[in-house]
Amino acid sequence: PLLVLLLVDGRRRIGISVLATAPISSFIFWNSFTWRKYGRPN
């Protein structure tokens, strides 16, 4: 949400949007890995 707030400014929206989705991507990646490896998202 802190990074999403930067989108209000309107400058460099694409770059900021990628930054805001990066933490979500790592969260999904790690929990997908543990789900596949250990049978349950961590």
PDB file of all heavy atoms in Angstrom:
ATOM      1  N   PRO A   1       0.810  -1.227   0.000  1.00  0.00           N
ATOM      2  CA  PRO A   1       0.000   0.000   0.000  1.00  0.00           C
ATOM      3  C   PRO A   1       0.840   1.273   0.000  1.00  0.00           C
ATOM      4  O   PRO A   1       0.420   2.292  -0.557  1.00  0.00           O
ATOM      5  CB  PRO A   1      -0.853  -0.108   1.270  1.00  0.00           C
ATOM      6  CG  PRO A   1      -0.220  -1.165   2.090  1.00  0.00           C
ATOM      7  CD  PRO A   1       0.490  -2.086   1.152  1.00  0.00           C
ATOM      8  N   LEU A   2       2.034   1.227   0.602  1.00  0.00           N
ATOM      9  CA  LEU A   2       2.896   2.410   0.594  1.00  0.00           C
ATOM     10  C   LEU A   2       3.342   2.741  -0.831  1.00  0.00           C
ATOM     11  O   LEU A   2       3.388   3.909  -1.223  1.00  0.00           O
ATOM     12  CB  LEU A   2       4.115   2.184   1.487  1.00  0.00           C
ATOM     13  CG  LEU A   2       3.826   1.997   2.973  1.00  0.00           C
ATOM     14  CD1 LEU A   2       5.105   1.667   3.729  1.00  0.00           C
ATOM     15  CD2 LEU A   2       3.167   3.237   3.562  1.00  0.00           C
ATOM     16  N   LEU A   3       3.658   1.699  -1.595  1.00  0.00           N
ATOM     17  CA  LEU A   3       4.057   1.919  -2.986  1.00  0.00           C
ATOM     18  C   LEU A   3       2.864   2.308  -3.862  1.00  0.00           C
ATOM     19  O   LEU A   3       2.994   3.134  -4.760  1.00  0.00           O
ATOM     20  CB  LEU A   3       4.743   0.670  -3.540  1.00  0.00           C
ATOM     21  CG  LEU A   3       6.096   0.319  -2.892  1.00  0.00           C
ATOM     22  CD1 LEU A   3       6.575  -1.050  -3.353  1.00  0.00           C
ATOM     23  CD2 LEU A   3       7.135   1.387  -3.187  1.00  0.00           C
ATOM     24  N   VAL A   4       1.704   1.732  -3.576  1.00  0.00           N
ATOM     25  CA  VAL A   4       0.497   2.075  -4.339  1.00  0.00           C
ATOM     26  C   VAL A   4       0.156   3.553  -4.157  1.00  0.00           C
ATOM     27  O   VAL A   4      -0.298   4.228  -5.097  1.00  0.00           O
ATOM     28  CB  VAL A   4      -0.683   1.168  -3.928  1.00  0.00           C
ATOM     29  CG1 VAL A   4      -2.002   1.700  -4.468  1.00  0.00           C
ATOM     30  CG2 VAL A   4      -0.443  -0.257  -4.421  1.00  0.00           C
ATOM     31  N   LEU A   5       0.405   4.082  -2.949  1.00  0.00           N
ATOM     32  CA  LEU A   5       0.135   5.501  -2.699  1.00  0.00           C
ATOM     33  C   LEU A   5       0.936   6.406  -3.629  1.00  0.00           C
ATOM     34  O   LEU A   5       0.497   7.517  -3.951  1.00  0.00           O
ATOM     35  CB  LEU A   5       0.455   5.854  -1.243  1.00  0.00           C
ATOM     36  CG  LEU A   5      -0.597   5.464  -0.211  1.00  0.00           C
ATOM     37  CD1 LEU A   5      -0.073   5.708   1.192  1.00  0.00           C
ATOM     38  CD2 LEU A   5      -1.890   6.241  -0.445  1.00  0.00           C
ATOM     39  N   LEU A   6       2.094   5.945  -4.052  1.00  0.00           N
ATOM     40  CA  LEU A   6       2.908   6.750  -4.961  1.00  0.00           C
ATOM     41  C   LEU A   6       2.246   6.918  -6.329  1.00  0.00           C
ATOM     42  O   LEU A   6       2.562   7.852  -7.059  1.00  0.00           O
ATOM     43  CB  LEU A   6       4.299   6.125  -5.134  1.00  0.00           C
ATOM     44  CG  LEU A   6       5.163   6.022  -3.879  1.00  0.00           C
ATOM     45  CD1 LEU A   6       6.520   5.459  -4.218  1.00  0.00           C
ATOM     46  CD2 LEU A   6       5.301   7.369  -3.189  1.00  0.00           C
ATOM     47  N   LEU A   7       1.327   6.012  -6.659  1.00  0.00           N
ATOM     48  CA  LEU A   7       0.641   6.108  -7.955  1.00  0.00           C
ATOM     49  C   LEU A   7      -0.270   7.328  -8.022  1.00  0.00           C
ATOM     50  O   LEU A   7      -0.604   7.798  -9.113  1.00  0.00           O
ATOM     51  CB  LEU A   7      -0.164   4.836  -8.221  1.00  0.00           C
ATOM     52  CG  LEU A   7       0.651   3.568  -8.477  1.00  0.00           C
ATOM     53  CD1 LEU A   7      -0.257   2.350  -8.510  1.00  0.00           C
ATOM     54  CD2 LEU A   7       1.428   3.693  -9.778  1.00  0.00           C
ATOM     55  N   VAL A   8      -0.671   7.847  -6.853  1.00  0.00           N
ATOM     56  CA  VAL A   8      -1.534   9.029  -6.832  1.00  0.00           C
ATOM     57  C   VAL A   8      -0.831  10.215  -7.484  1.00  0.00           C
ATOM     58  O   VAL A   8      -1.459  11.062  -8.121  1.00  0.00           O
ATOM     59  CB  VAL A   8      -1.929   9.368  -5.368  1.00  0.00           C
ATOM     60  CG1 VAL A   8      -2.701  10.667  -5.291  1.00  0.00           C
ATOM     61  CG2 VAL A   8      -2.741   8.227  -4.773  1.00  0.00           C
ATOM     62  N   ASP A   9       0.481  10.258  -7.329  1.00  0.00           N
ATOM     63  CA  ASP A   9       1.266  11.355  -7.894  1.00  0.00           C
ATOM     64  C   ASP A   9       1.153  11.428  -9.413  1.00  0.00           C
ATOM     65  O   ASP A   9       1.206  12.503 -10.000  1.00  0.00           O
ATOM     66  CB  ASP A   9       2.739  11.168  -7.475  1.00  0.00           C
ATOM     67  CG  ASP A   9       3.615  12.314  -7.919  1.00  0.00           C
ATOM     68  OD1 ASP A   9       4.041  12.286  -9.086  1.00  0.00           O
ATOM     69  OD2 ASP A   9       3.865  13.237  -7.112  1.00  0.00           O
ATOM     70  N   GLY A  10       1.014  10.257 -10.048  1.00  0.00           N
ATOM     71  CA  GLY A  10       0.820  10.234 -11.497  1.00  0.00           C
ATOM     72  C   GLY A  10       2.088  10.162 -12.320  1.00  0.00           C
ATOM     73  O   GLY A  10       2.023   9.983 -13.530  1.00  0.00           O
ATOM     74  N   ARG A  11       3.248  10.304 -11.670  1.00  0.00           N
ATOM     75  CA  ARG A  11       4.507  10.233 -12.429  1.00  0.00           C
ATOM     76  C   ARG A  11       5.040   8.800 -12.437  1.00  0.00           C
ATOM     77  O   ARG A  11       4.971   8.104 -11.444  1.00  0.00           O
ATOM     78  CB  ARG A  11       5.561  11.142 -11.789  1.00  0.00           C
ATOM     79  CG  ARG A  11       5.290  12.612 -11.980  1.00  0.00           C
ATOM     80  CD  ARG A  11       6.357  13.447 -11.302  1.00  0.00           C
ATOM     81  NE  ARG A  11       6.286  13.319  -9.848  1.00  0.00           N
ATOM     82  CZ  ARG A  11       7.223  13.785  -9.021  1.00  0.00           C
ATOM     83  NH1 ARG A  11       8.305  14.362  -9.500  1.00  0.00           N
ATOM     84  NH2 ARG A  11       7.081  13.655  -7.718  1.00  0.00           N
ATOM     85  N   ARG A  12       5.560   8.375 -13.575  1.00  0.00           N
ATOM     86  CA  ARG A  12       6.222   7.088 -13.742  1.00  0.00           C
ATOM     87  C   ARG A  12       5.339   5.932 -13.244  1.00  0.00           C
ATOM     88  O   ARG A  12       5.764   5.085 -12.465  1.00  0.00           O
ATOM     89  CB  ARG A  12       7.571   7.088 -13.025  1.00  0.00           C
ATOM     90  CG  ARG A  12       8.423   8.265 -13.420  1.00  0.00           C
ATOM     91  CD  ARG A  12       9.828   8.149 -12.935  1.00  0.00           C
ATOM     92  NE  ARG A  12      10.440   9.449 -12.810  1.00  0.00           N
ATOM     93  CZ  ARG A  12      10.829  10.245 -13.815  1.00  0.00           C
ATOM     94  NH1 ARG A  12      10.660   9.841 -15.057  1.00  0.00           N
ATOM     95  NH2 ARG A  12      11.366  11.415 -13.592  1.00  0.00           N
ATOM     96  N   ARG A  13       4.106   5.951 -13.711  1.00  0.00           N
ATOM     97  CA  ARG A  13       3.119   4.966 -13.255  1.00  0.00           C
ATOM     98  C   ARG A  13       3.533   3.525 -13.533  1.00  0.00           C
ATOM     99  O   ARG A  13       3.326   2.647 -12.698  1.00  0.00           O
ATOM    100  CB  ARG A  13       1.751   5.234 -13.896  1.00  0.00           C
ATOM    101  CG  ARG A  13       1.011   6.396 -13.284  1.00  0.00           C
ATOM    102  CD  ARG A  13      -0.349   6.579 -13.941  1.00  0.00           C
ATOM    103  NE  ARG A  13      -1.110   7.621 -13.277  1.00  0.00           N
ATOM    104  CZ  ARG A  13      -1.915   7.411 -12.249  1.00  0.00           C
ATOM    105  NH1 ARG A  13      -2.049   6.207 -11.761  1.00  0.00           N
ATOM    106  NH2 ARG A  13      -2.587   8.408 -11.718  1.00  0.00           N
ATOM    107  N   ILE A  14       4.098   3.265 -14.693  1.00  0.00           N
ATOM    108  CA  ILE A  14       4.456   1.881 -15.048  1.00  0.00           C
ATOM    109  C   ILE A  14       5.539   1.371 -14.109  1.00  0.00           C
ATOM    110  O   ILE A  14       5.432   0.280 -13.538  1.00  0.00           O
ATOM    111  CB  ILE A  14       4.897   1.786 -16.521  1.00  0.00           C
ATOM    112  CG1 ILE A  14       3.723   2.109 -17.439  1.00  0.00           C
ATOM    113  CG2 ILE A  14       5.448   0.397 -16.823  1.00  0.00           C
ATOM    114  CD1 ILE A  14       4.070   2.186 -18.908  1.00  0.00           C
ATOM    115  N   GLY A  15       6.594   2.162 -13.929  1.00  0.00           N
ATOM    116  CA  GLY A  15       7.681   1.742 -13.039  1.00  0.00           C
ATOM    117  C   GLY A  15       7.223   1.534 -11.612  1.00  0.00           C
ATOM    118  O   GLY A  15       7.597   0.550 -10.957  1.00  0.00           O
ATOM    119  N   ILE A  16       6.399   2.448 -11.106  1.00  0.00           N
ATOM    120  CA  ILE A  16       5.889   2.327  -9.729  1.00  0.00           C
ATOM    121  C   ILE A  16       4.944   1.137  -9.617  1.00  0.00           C
ATOM    122  O   ILE A  16       4.939   0.418  -8.608  1.00  0.00           O
ATOM    123  CB  ILE A  16       5.191   3.631  -9.283  1.00  0.00           C
ATOM    124  CG1 ILE A  16       6.185   4.804  -9.266  1.00  0.00           C
ATOM    125  CG2 ILE A  16       4.563   3.465  -7.909  1.00  0.00           C
ATOM    126  CD1 ILE A  16       7.321   4.684  -8.280  1.00  0.00           C
ATOM    127  N   SER A  17       4.145   0.887 -10.654  1.00  0.00           N
ATOM    128  CA  SER A  17       3.235  -0.266 -10.633  1.00  0.00           C
ATOM    129  C   SER A  17       4.007  -1.575 -10.545  1.00  0.00           C
ATOM    130  O   SER A  17       3.620  -2.491  -9.810  1.00  0.00           O
ATOM    131  CB  SER A  17       2.353  -0.273 -11.888  1.00  0.00           C
ATOM    132  OG  SER A  17       1.530   0.855 -11.921  1.00  0.00           O
ATOM    133  N   VAL A  18       5.106  -1.665 -11.278  1.00  0.00           N
ATOM    134  CA  VAL A  18       5.940  -2.874 -11.202  1.00  0.00           C
ATOM    135  C   VAL A  18       6.515  -3.029  -9.804  1.00  0.00           C
ATOM    136  O   VAL A  18       6.542  -4.134  -9.244  1.00  0.00           O
ATOM    137  CB  VAL A  18       7.069  -2.824 -12.260  1.00  0.00           C
ATOM    138  CG1 VAL A  18       8.038  -3.981 -12.072  1.00  0.00           C
ATOM    139  CG2 VAL A  18       6.478  -2.847 -13.665  1.00  0.00           C
ATOM    140  N   LEU A  19       6.956  -1.928  -9.206  1.00  0.00           N
ATOM    141  CA  LEU A  19       7.484  -1.989  -7.834  1.00  0.00           C
ATOM    142  C   LEU A  19       6.409  -2.459  -6.849  1.00  0.00           C
ATOM    143  O   LEU A  19       6.688  -3.246  -5.942  1.00  0.00           O
ATOM    144  CB  LEU A  19       8.007  -0.613  -7.401  1.00  0.00           C
ATOM    145  CG  LEU A  19       9.227  -0.076  -8.134  1.00  0.00           C
ATOM    146  CD1 LEU A  19       9.599   1.306  -7.607  1.00  0.00           C
ATOM    147  CD2 LEU A  19      10.396  -1.035  -8.006  1.00  0.00           C
ATOM    148  N   ALA A  20       5.181  -1.976  -7.039  1.00  0.00           N
ATOM    149  CA  ALA A  20       4.094  -2.350  -6.123  1.00  0.00           C
ATOM    150  C   ALA A  20       3.701  -3.814  -6.253  1.00  0.00           C
ATOM    151  O   ALA A  20       3.223  -4.422  -5.291  1.00  0.00           O
ATOM    152  CB  ALA A  20       2.885  -1.447  -6.359  1.00  0.00           C
ATOM    153  N   THR A  21       3.902  -4.383  -7.443  1.00  0.00           N
ATOM    154  CA  THR A  21       3.533  -5.796  -7.627  1.00  0.00           C
ATOM    155  C   THR A  21       4.684  -6.744  -7.278  1.00  0.00           C
ATOM    156  O   THR A  21       4.447  -7.942  -7.106  1.00  0.00           O
ATOM    157  CB  THR A  21       3.090  -6.067  -9.077  1.00  0.00           C
ATOM    158  OG1 THR A  21       4.134  -5.684  -9.970  1.00  0.00           O
ATOM    159  CG2 THR A  21       1.820  -5.299  -9.408  1.00  0.00           C
ATOM    160  N   ALA A  22       5.904  -6.225  -7.153  1.00  0.00           N
ATOM    161  CA  ALA A  22       7.057  -7.082  -6.848  1.00  0.00           C
ATOM    162  C   ALA A  22       6.894  -7.849  -5.533  1.00  0.00           C
ATOM    163  O   ALA A  22       7.148  -9.070  -5.493  1.00  0.00           O
ATOM    164  CB  ALA A  22       8.345  -6.265  -6.840  1.00  0.00           C
ATOM    165  N   PRO A  23       6.457  -7.209  -4.426  1.00  0.00           N
ATOM    166  CA  PRO A  23       6.289  -7.970  -3.181  1.00  0.00           C
ATOM    167  C   PRO A  23       5.207  -9.044  -3.282  1.00  0.00           C
ATOM    168  O   PRO A  23       5.350 -10.129  -2.714  1.00  0.00           O
ATOM    169  CB  PRO A  23       5.897  -6.909  -2.141  1.00  0.00           C
ATOM    170  CG  PRO A  23       6.216  -5.601  -2.757  1.00  0.00           C
ATOM    171  CD  PRO A  23       6.163  -5.786  -4.234  1.00  0.00           C
ATOM    172  N   ILE A  24       4.151  -8.734  -4.017  1.00  0.00           N
ATOM    173  CA  ILE A  24       3.082  -9.719  -4.195  1.00  0.00           C
ATOM    174  C   ILE A  24       3.605 -10.913  -4.986  1.00  0.00           C
ATOM    175  O   ILE A  24       3.296 -12.066  -4.681  1.00  0.00           O
ATOM    176  CB  ILE A  24       1.871  -9.072  -4.898  1.00  0.00           C
ATOM    177  CG1 ILE A  24       1.318  -7.928  -4.047  1.00  0.00           C
ATOM    178  CG2 ILE A  24       0.792 -10.096  -5.185  1.00  0.00           C
ATOM    179  CD1 ILE A  24       0.324  -7.032  -4.759  1.00  0.00           C
ATOM    180  N   SER A  25       4.427 -10.628  -5.986  1.00  0.00           N
ATOM    181  CA  SER A  25       5.005 -11.696  -6.804  1.00  0.00           C
ATOM    182  C   SER A  25       5.882 -12.629  -5.971  1.00  0.00           C
ATOM    183  O   SER A  25       5.794 -13.853  -6.101  1.00  0.00           O
ATOM    184  CB  SER A  25       5.834 -11.102  -7.944  1.00  0.00           C
ATOM    185  OG  SER A  25       5.034 -10.290  -8.759  1.00  0.00           O
ATOM    186  N   SER A  26       6.734 -12.057  -5.119  1.00  0.00           N
ATOM    187  CA  SER A  26       7.609 -12.911  -4.301  1.00  0.00           C
ATOM    188  C   SER A  26       6.809 -13.710  -3.290  1.00  0.00           C
ATOM    189  O   SER A  26       7.100 -14.874  -3.027  1.00  0.00           O
ATOM    190  CB  SER A  26       8.676 -12.075  -3.592  1.00  0.00           C
ATOM    191  OG  SER A  26       8.113 -11.200  -2.638  1.00  0.00           O
ATOM    192  N   PHE A  27       5.757 -13.093  -2.743  1.00  0.00           N
ATOM    193  CA  PHE A  27       4.874 -13.790  -1.798  1.00  0.00           C
ATOM    194  C   PHE A  27       4.207 -14.987  -2.483  1.00  0.00           C
ATOM    195  O   PHE A  27       4.191 -16.099  -1.938  1.00  0.00           O
ATOM    196  CB  PHE A  27       3.824 -12.814  -1.267  1.00  0.00           C
ATOM    197  CG  PHE A  27       2.776 -13.441  -0.397  1.00  0.00           C
ATOM    198  CD1 PHE A  27       3.006 -13.665   0.947  1.00  0.00           C
ATOM    199  CD2 PHE A  27       1.548 -13.814  -0.933  1.00  0.00           C
ATOM    200  CE1 PHE A  27       2.028 -14.243   1.754  1.00  0.00           C
ATOM    201  CE2 PHE A  27       0.574 -14.390  -0.141  1.00  0.00           C
ATOM    202  CZ  PHE A  27       0.820 -14.606   1.212  1.00  0.00           C
ATOM    203  N   ILE A  28       3.675 -14.764  -3.679  1.00  0.00           N
ATOM    204  CA  ILE A  28       3.013 -15.844  -4.420  1.00  0.00           C
ATOM    205  C   ILE A  28       4.025 -16.913  -4.809  1.00  0.00           C
ATOM    206  O   ILE A  28       3.751 -18.119  -4.687  1.00  0.00           O
ATOM    207  CB  ILE A  28       2.290 -15.278  -5.657  1.00  0.00           C
ATOM    208  CG1 ILE A  28       1.100 -14.420  -5.227  1.00  0.00           C
ATOM    209  CG2 ILE A  28       1.837 -16.404  -6.593  1.00  0.00           C
ATOM    210  CD1 ILE A  28       0.460 -13.636  -6.352  1.00  0.00           C
ATOM    211  N   PHE A  29       5.194 -16.499  -5.285  1.00  0.00           N
ATOM    212  CA  PHE A  29       6.223 -17.454  -5.685  1.00  0.00           C
ATOM    213  C   PHE A  29       6.609 -18.369  -4.528  1.00  0.00           C
ATOM    214  O   PHE A  29       6.638 -19.596  -4.670  1.00  0.00           O
ATOM    215  CB  PHE A  29       7.454 -16.714  -6.209  1.00  0.00           C
ATOM    216  CG  PHE A  29       8.639 -17.619  -6.426  1.00  0.00           C
ATOM    217  CD1 PHE A  29       8.713 -18.423  -7.544  1.00  0.00           C
ATOM    218  CD2 PHE A  29       9.663 -17.682  -5.485  1.00  0.00           C
ATOM    219  CE1 PHE A  29       9.797 -19.281  -7.737  1.00  0.00           C
ATOM    220  CE2 PHE A  29      10.741 -18.525  -5.663  1.00  0.00           C
ATOM    221  CZ  PHE A  29      10.811 -19.331  -6.787  1.00  0.00           C
ATOM    222  N   TRP A  30       6.908 -17.783  -3.355  1.00  0.00           N
ATOM    223  CA  TRP A  30       7.353 -18.579  -2.215  1.00  0.00           C
ATOM    224  C   TRP A  30       6.258 -19.535  -1.749  1.00  0.00           C
ATOM    225  O   TRP A  30       6.505 -20.710  -1.479  1.00  0.00           O
ATOM    226  CB  TRP A  30       7.805 -17.686  -1.067  1.00  0.00           C
ATOM    227  CG  TRP A  30       7.994 -18.413   0.223  1.00  0.00           C
ATOM    228  CD1 TRP A  30       7.268 -18.263   1.363  1.00  0.00           C
ATOM    229  CD2 TRP A  30       8.949 -19.452   0.502  1.00  0.00           C
ATOM    230  NE1 TRP A  30       7.709 -19.127   2.331  1.00  0.00           N
ATOM    231  CE2 TRP A  30       8.746 -19.869   1.829  1.00  0.00           C
ATOM    232  CE3 TRP A  30       9.944 -20.067  -0.251  1.00  0.00           C
ATOM    233  CZ2 TRP A  30       9.496 -20.873   2.419  1.00  0.00           C
ATOM    234  CZ3 TRP A  30      10.706 -21.070   0.339  1.00  0.00           C
ATOM    235  CH2 TRP A  30      10.478 -21.449   1.656  1.00  0.00           C
ATOM    236  N   ASN A  31       5.037 -19.060  -1.664  1.00  0.00           N
ATOM    237  CA  ASN A  31       3.957 -19.913  -1.182  1.00  0.00           C
ATOM    238  C   ASN A  31       3.547 -20.965  -2.202  1.00  0.00           C
ATOM    239  O   ASN A  31       3.119 -22.058  -1.831  1.00  0.00           O
ATOM    240  CB  ASN A  31       2.778 -19.059  -0.721  1.00  0.00           C
ATOM    241  CG  ASN A  31       3.013 -18.488   0.651  1.00  0.00           C
ATOM    242  OD1 ASN A  31       2.875 -19.175   1.655  1.00  0.00           O
ATOM    243  ND2 ASN A  31       3.433 -17.233   0.709  1.00  0.00           N
ATOM    244  N   SER A  32       3.715 -20.672  -3.487  1.00  0.00           N
ATOM    245  CA  SER A  32       3.498 -21.701  -4.510  1.00  0.00           C
ATOM    246  C   SER A  32       4.567 -22.786  -4.394  1.00  0.00           C
ATOM    247  O   SER A  32       4.270 -23.983  -4.520  1.00  0.00           O
ATOM    248  CB  SER A  32       3.538 -21.080  -5.906  1.00  0.00           C
ATOM    249  OG  SER A  32       2.517 -20.137  -6.058  1.00  0.00           O
ATOM    250  N   PHE A  33       5.803 -22.351  -4.151  1.00  0.00           N
ATOM    251  CA  PHE A  33       6.900 -23.305  -3.984  1.00  0.00           C
ATOM    252  C   PHE A  33       6.642 -24.224  -2.789  1.00  0.00           C
ATOM    253  O   PHE A  33       6.781 -25.445  -2.895  1.00  0.00           O
ATOM    254  CB  PHE A  33       8.220 -22.559  -3.790  1.00  0.00           C
ATOM    255  CG  PHE A  33       9.364 -23.450  -3.386  1.00  0.00           C
ATOM    256  CD1 PHE A  33      10.051 -24.206  -4.330  1.00  0.00           C
ATOM    257  CD2 PHE A  33       9.743 -23.546  -2.050  1.00  0.00           C
ATOM    258  CE1 PHE A  33      11.102 -25.036  -3.945  1.00  0.00           C
ATOM    259  CE2 PHE A  33      10.785 -24.369  -1.660  1.00  0.00           C
ATOM    260  CZ  PHE A  33      11.465 -25.122  -2.608  1.00  0.00           C
ATOM    261  N   THR A  34       6.266 -23.651  -1.652  1.00  0.00           N
ATOM    262  CA  THR A  34       6.042 -24.487  -0.454  1.00  0.00           C
ATOM    263  C   THR A  34       4.814 -25.370  -0.631  1.00  0.00           C
ATOM    264  O   THR A  34       4.777 -26.491  -0.096  1.00  0.00           O
ATOM    265  CB  THR A  34       5.903 -23.625   0.816  1.00  0.00           C
ATOM    266  OG1 THR A  34       4.896 -22.631   0.613  1.00  0.00           O
ATOM    267  CG2 THR A  34       7.220 -22.956   1.160  1.00  0.00           C
ATOM    268  N   TRP A  35       3.816 -24.897  -1.351  1.00  0.00           N
ATOM    269  CA  TRP A  35       2.627 -25.710  -1.605  1.00  0.00           C
ATOM    270  C   TRP A  35       3.005 -26.938  -2.425  1.00  0.00           C
ATOM    271  O   TRP A  35       2.620 -28.059  -2.116  1.00  0.00           O
ATOM    272  CB  TRP A  35       1.593 -24.868  -2.343  1.00  0.00           C
ATOM    273  CG  TRP A  35       0.228 -25.497  -2.425  1.00  0.00           C
ATOM    274  CD1 TRP A  35      -0.171 -26.708  -1.931  1.00  0.00           C
ATOM    275  CD2 TRP A  35      -0.933 -24.921  -3.025  1.00  0.00           C
ATOM    276  NE1 TRP A  35      -1.491 -26.938  -2.194  1.00  0.00           N
ATOM    277  CE2 TRP A  35      -1.987 -25.845  -2.857  1.00  0.00           C
ATOM    278  CE3 TRP A  35      -1.184 -23.725  -3.676  1.00  0.00           C
ATOM    279  CZ2 TRP A  35      -3.274 -25.597  -3.338  1.00  0.00           C
ATOM    280  CZ3 TRP A  35      -2.464 -23.481  -4.148  1.00  0.00           C
ATOM    281  CH2 TRP A  35      -3.491 -24.407  -3.971  1.00  0.00           C
ATOM    282  N   ARG A  36       3.808 -26.709  -3.461  1.00  0.00           N
ATOM    283  CA  ARG A  36       4.223 -27.827  -4.306  1.00  0.00           C
ATOM    284  C   ARG A  36       5.202 -28.751  -3.582  1.00  0.00           C
ATOM    285  O   ARG A  36       5.129 -29.974  -3.708  1.00  0.00           O
ATOM    286  CB  ARG A  36       4.857 -27.272  -5.579  1.00  0.00           C
ATOM    287  CG  ARG A  36       5.231 -28.334  -6.571  1.00  0.00           C
ATOM    288  CD  ARG A  36       5.649 -27.740  -7.889  1.00  0.00           C
ATOM    289  NE  ARG A  36       5.976 -28.784  -8.839  1.00  0.00           N
ATOM    290  CZ  ARG A  36       6.353 -28.573 -10.070  1.00  0.00           C
ATOM    291  NH1 ARG A  36       6.448 -27.345 -10.515  1.00  0.00           N
ATOM    292  NH2 ARG A  36       6.643 -29.574 -10.868  1.00  0.00           N
ATOM    293  N   LYS A  37       6.115 -28.166  -2.818  1.00  0.00           N
ATOM    294  CA  LYS A  37       7.175 -28.950  -2.182  1.00  0.00           C
ATOM    295  C   LYS A  37       6.679 -29.681  -0.936  1.00  0.00           C
ATOM    296  O   LYS A  37       7.040 -30.836  -0.695  1.00  0.00           O
ATOM    297  CB  LYS A  37       8.333 -28.017  -1.802  1.00  0.00           C
ATOM    298  CG  LYS A  37       9.567 -28.713  -1.265  1.00  0.00           C
ATOM    299  CD  LYS A  37      10.398 -29.272  -2.386  1.00  0.00           C
ATOM    300  CE  LYS A  37      11.676 -29.884  -1.881  1.00  0.00           C
ATOM    301  NZ  LYS A  37      12.444 -30.525  -2.955  1.00  0.00           N
ATOM    302  N   TYR A  38       5.861 -29.008  -0.129  1.00  0.00           N
ATOM    303  CA  TYR A  38       5.475 -29.551   1.173  1.00  0.00           C
ATOM    304  C   TYR A  38       3.974 -29.803   1.314  1.00  0.00           C
ATOM    305  O   TYR A  38       3.510 -30.196   2.380  1.00  0.00           O
ATOM    306  CB  TYR A  38       5.948 -28.615   2.291  1.00  0.00           C
ATOM    307  CG  TYR A  38       7.422 -28.308   2.211  1.00  0.00           C
ATOM    308  CD1 TYR A  38       7.868 -27.010   1.981  1.00  0.00           C
ATOM    309  CD2 TYR A  38       8.382 -29.310   2.350  1.00  0.00           C
ATOM    310  CE1 TYR A  38       9.220 -26.721   1.899  1.00  0.00           C
ATOM    311  CE2 TYR A  38       9.736 -29.031   2.275  1.00  0.00           C
ATOM    312  CZ  TYR A  38      10.150 -27.738   2.044  1.00  0.00           C
ATOM    313  OH  TYR A  38      11.489 -27.458   1.955  1.00  0.00           O
ATOM    314  N   GLY A  39       3.220 -29.547   0.257  1.00  0.00           N
ATOM    315  CA  GLY A  39       1.794 -29.848   0.285  1.00  0.00           C
ATOM    316  C   GLY A  39       0.923 -28.790   0.913  1.00  0.00           C
ATOM    317  O   GLY A  39      -0.271 -29.010   1.116  1.00  0.00           O
ATOM    318  N   ARG A  40       1.513 -27.612   1.201  1.00  0.00           N
ATOM    319  CA  ARG A  40       0.738 -26.569   1.859  1.00  0.00           C
ATOM    320  C   ARG A  40       1.468 -25.232   1.729  1.00  0.00           C
ATOM    321  O   ARG A  40       2.670 -25.171   1.956  1.00  0.00           O
ATOM    322  CB  ARG A  40       0.608 -26.926   3.331  1.00  0.00           C
ATOM    323  CG  ARG A  40      -0.228 -26.001   4.154  1.00  0.00           C
ATOM    324  CD  ARG A  40      -0.259 -26.515   5.576  1.00  0.00           C
ATOM    325  NE  ARG A  40      -1.217 -25.796   6.379  1.00  0.00           N
ATOM    326  CZ  ARG A  40      -1.364 -25.970   7.670  1.00  0.00           C
ATOM    327  NH1 ARG A  40      -0.617 -26.855   8.306  1.00  0.00           N
ATOM    328  NH2 ARG A  40      -2.240 -25.281   8.348  1.00  0.00           N
ATOM    329  N   PRO A  41       0.757 -24.144   1.384  1.00  0.00           N
ATOM    330  CA  PRO A  41       1.423 -22.839   1.363  1.00  0.00           C
ATOM    331  C   PRO A  41       1.916 -22.471   2.764  1.00  0.00           C
ATOM    332  O   PRO A  41       1.179 -22.590   3.740  1.00  0.00           O
ATOM    333  CB  PRO A  41       0.332 -21.884   0.893  1.00  0.00           C
ATOM    334  CG  PRO A  41      -0.678 -22.751   0.195  1.00  0.00           C
ATOM    335  CD  PRO A  41      -0.628 -24.059   0.914  1.00  0.00           C
ATOM    336  N   ASN A  42       3.133 -21.999   2.854  1.00  0.00           N
ATOM    337  CA  ASN A  42       3.729 -21.698   4.158  1.00  0.00           C
ATOM    338  C   ASN A  42       2.927 -20.685   4.965  1.00  0.00           C
ATOM    339  O   ASN A  42       2.840 -20.783   6.182  1.00  0.00           O
ATOM    340  CB  ASN A  42       5.174 -21.214   3.965  1.00  0.00           C
ATOM    341  CG  ASN A  42       5.870 -20.903   5.273  1.00  0.00           C
ATOM    342  OD1 ASN A  42       6.098 -19.749   5.607  1.00  0.00           O
ATOM    343  ND2 ASN A  42       6.204 -21.944   6.029  1.00  0.00           N
TER     344      ASN A  42
END
